[in-house]
């Protein structure tokens, strides 16, 4: 009989295996987003009538009531706001502490939050150029939209 050793990660006892991040709630409104990430793309909710980007996925536009679809974004943008996480509320990310959660405004206009990988806080600035990527965290069923500094100069 093997004995499983418990270790503490961010205040939660685990078996030494990576703690998976919380699973996203995939519903009828967000299915298009998750289908795109599985295909390696980032697509956000947009009105097919007035063209407005929606802050969250909805079946109908909250401005003109037209249907919506998921349109791709290039994945480049700027840091609109950010926080530095010093105390891990999510055990799966405890090994990253301190880490940055950035609210990124894509060049197309919509905003999306995500971890700014490779950053610990100093040097992060509002208006900083970033590039989105899809990251598979250990134990996760879905890839998450994360960001890195855009060093391409564009």
Protein backbone atom coordinates (compact mmCIF):
# COMPACT_ATOMS: atom_id res chain seq x y z
CA UNK A 1 0.00 0.00 0.00
CA UNK A 2 1.51 3.31 -1.02
CA UNK A 3 1.36 6.25 1.33
CA UNK A 4 0.37 9.55 -0.22
CA UNK A 5 2.18 12.53 1.27
CA UNK A 6 0.16 15.73 1.64
CA UNK A 7 1.79 19.09 1.05
CA UNK A 8 0.41 22.57 1.58
CA UNK A 9 0.05 24.76 -1.49
CA UNK A 10 -1.36 28.21 -0.89
CA UNK A 11 -3.02 27.03 2.30
CA UNK A 12 -4.65 23.97 0.71
CA UNK A 13 -3.44 20.46 1.43
CA UNK A 14 -2.75 18.48 -1.72
CA UNK A 15 -1.19 15.18 -2.63
CA UNK A 16 1.93 16.74 -4.16
CA UNK A 17 0.35 16.65 -7.62
CA UNK A 18 -0.32 20.00 -9.29
CA UNK A 19 -3.54 21.57 -8.09
CA UNK A 20 -5.71 22.22 -11.15
CA UNK A 21 -7.08 25.72 -11.63
CA UNK A 22 -10.82 26.21 -11.25
CA UNK A 23 -12.72 24.93 -14.27
CA UNK A 24 -14.50 27.58 -16.34
CA UNK A 25 -18.26 27.59 -16.56
CA UNK A 26 -18.95 26.79 -20.20
CA UNK A 27 -22.51 27.65 -21.09
CA UNK A 28 -24.48 28.38 -24.27
CA UNK A 29 -23.27 32.00 -24.28
CA UNK A 30 -19.54 31.23 -23.88
CA UNK A 31 -19.26 28.10 -26.03
CA UNK A 32 -17.90 30.07 -29.01
CA UNK A 33 -15.05 31.46 -26.93
CA UNK A 34 -14.01 28.01 -25.67
CA UNK A 35 -14.34 26.41 -29.11
CA UNK A 36 -11.98 29.07 -30.48
CA UNK A 37 -9.39 28.47 -27.74
CA UNK A 38 -9.47 24.73 -28.47
CA UNK A 39 -8.64 25.66 -32.08
CA UNK A 40 -5.77 27.89 -30.93
CA UNK A 41 -7.56 31.17 -31.52
CA UNK A 42 -8.89 33.97 -29.33
CA UNK A 43 -12.38 35.04 -30.36
CA UNK A 44 -14.58 37.44 -28.41
CA UNK A 45 -18.28 38.21 -28.53
CA UNK A 46 -19.35 40.81 -31.09
CA UNK A 47 -22.72 42.03 -32.31
CA UNK A 48 -23.53 41.02 -35.89
CA UNK A 49 -25.79 44.09 -36.22
CA UNK A 50 -24.03 47.15 -34.83
CA UNK A 51 -20.54 45.64 -34.57
CA UNK A 52 -20.13 46.44 -30.86
CA UNK A 53 -17.79 44.23 -28.86
CA UNK A 54 -19.52 42.87 -25.77
CA UNK A 55 -17.78 42.77 -22.41
CA UNK A 56 -19.24 39.32 -21.77
CA UNK A 57 -20.70 36.75 -24.13
CA UNK A 58 -24.42 37.18 -24.73
CA UNK A 59 -26.85 35.65 -27.20
CA UNK A 60 -28.16 39.10 -28.14
CA UNK A 61 -26.50 42.52 -28.20
CA UNK A 62 -27.36 44.63 -25.19
CA UNK A 63 -27.32 47.75 -27.40
CA UNK A 64 -29.41 46.79 -30.45
CA UNK A 65 -30.71 43.25 -29.67
CA UNK A 66 -29.13 41.74 -32.81
CA UNK A 67 -27.58 38.26 -32.59
CA UNK A 68 -23.92 37.92 -31.64
CA UNK A 69 -21.03 35.82 -32.87
CA UNK A 70 -17.45 35.22 -31.83
CA UNK A 71 -14.94 37.14 -33.92
CA UNK A 72 -11.18 36.67 -33.74
CA UNK A 73 -8.90 39.29 -32.25
CA UNK A 74 -5.27 39.72 -33.24
CA UNK A 75 -4.15 39.19 -29.66
CA UNK A 76 -2.20 42.42 -29.26
CA UNK A 77 -3.15 45.23 -26.94
CA UNK A 78 -2.20 47.36 -23.96
CA UNK A 79 -2.39 47.00 -20.22
CA UNK A 80 -5.48 48.97 -19.16
CA UNK A 81 -5.16 48.12 -15.46
CA UNK A 82 -3.38 45.55 -13.30
CA UNK A 83 -2.89 44.18 -9.82
CA UNK A 84 0.01 42.30 -8.27
CA UNK A 85 -1.06 39.15 -6.43
CA UNK A 86 1.04 38.53 -3.32
CA UNK A 87 -1.23 36.07 -1.50
CA UNK A 88 -2.53 33.25 -3.70
CA UNK A 89 -6.28 32.96 -3.58
CA UNK A 90 -6.09 30.25 -6.26
CA UNK A 91 -3.89 27.33 -5.10
CA UNK A 92 -3.09 26.36 -8.71
CA UNK A 93 -1.21 29.64 -9.14
CA UNK A 94 0.59 29.68 -5.77
CA UNK A 95 3.91 28.83 -7.43
CA UNK A 96 3.67 32.06 -9.48
CA UNK A 97 3.44 34.45 -6.49
CA UNK A 98 3.95 37.30 -6.85
CA UNK A 99 2.25 37.51 -10.23
CA UNK A 100 0.37 40.12 -12.23
CA UNK A 101 -3.28 39.97 -13.31
CA UNK A 102 -3.73 42.48 -16.12
CA UNK A 103 -6.87 43.86 -17.69
CA UNK A 104 -5.81 44.12 -21.32
CA UNK A 105 -7.51 46.27 -23.91
CA UNK A 106 -7.12 44.53 -27.26
CA UNK A 107 -6.33 46.71 -30.26
CA UNK A 108 -9.84 45.97 -31.54
CA UNK A 109 -11.35 47.49 -28.36
CA UNK A 110 -12.62 44.75 -26.03
CA UNK A 111 -10.94 44.10 -22.68
CA UNK A 112 -10.05 40.77 -21.11
CA UNK A 113 -8.25 39.92 -17.86
CA UNK A 114 -5.47 37.37 -17.61
CA UNK A 115 -2.16 36.54 -15.98
CA UNK A 116 0.75 38.58 -17.34
CA UNK A 117 3.31 35.77 -17.53
CA UNK A 118 6.92 36.43 -16.66
CA UNK A 119 6.11 39.53 -14.61
CA UNK A 120 6.28 40.01 -10.86
CA UNK A 121 5.09 43.62 -10.68
CA UNK A 122 8.03 46.01 -11.03
CA UNK A 123 8.23 47.36 -14.55
CA UNK A 124 4.59 46.69 -15.45
CA UNK A 125 2.86 49.88 -16.58
CA UNK A 126 -0.50 51.08 -17.79
CA UNK A 127 -0.28 51.36 -21.57
CA UNK A 128 2.41 48.67 -21.85
CA UNK A 129 2.13 46.64 -25.06
CA UNK A 130 1.31 42.96 -24.57
CA UNK A 131 0.53 39.93 -26.69
CA UNK A 132 -2.04 37.24 -25.81
CA UNK A 133 -1.30 33.54 -25.83
CA UNK A 134 -3.16 30.41 -24.83
CA UNK A 135 -1.65 28.64 -21.83
CA UNK A 136 -2.32 25.09 -20.66
CA UNK A 137 -1.96 25.10 -16.87
CA UNK A 138 -1.26 21.70 -15.26
CA UNK A 139 -4.47 19.81 -14.58
CA UNK A 140 -6.68 22.22 -16.55
CA UNK A 141 -9.14 20.95 -19.14
CA UNK A 142 -9.11 24.24 -21.08
CA UNK A 143 -6.33 26.62 -22.09
CA UNK A 144 -6.42 30.06 -20.51
CA UNK A 145 -5.83 33.39 -22.22
CA UNK A 146 -2.64 34.81 -20.73
CA UNK A 147 -0.40 37.68 -21.76
CA UNK A 148 3.30 38.50 -22.17
CA UNK A 149 5.13 41.72 -22.86
CA UNK A 150 5.14 42.42 -26.59
CA UNK A 151 8.80 42.68 -27.45
CA UNK A 152 8.21 42.82 -31.22
CA UNK A 153 8.25 46.62 -31.15
CA UNK A 154 4.83 46.75 -32.83
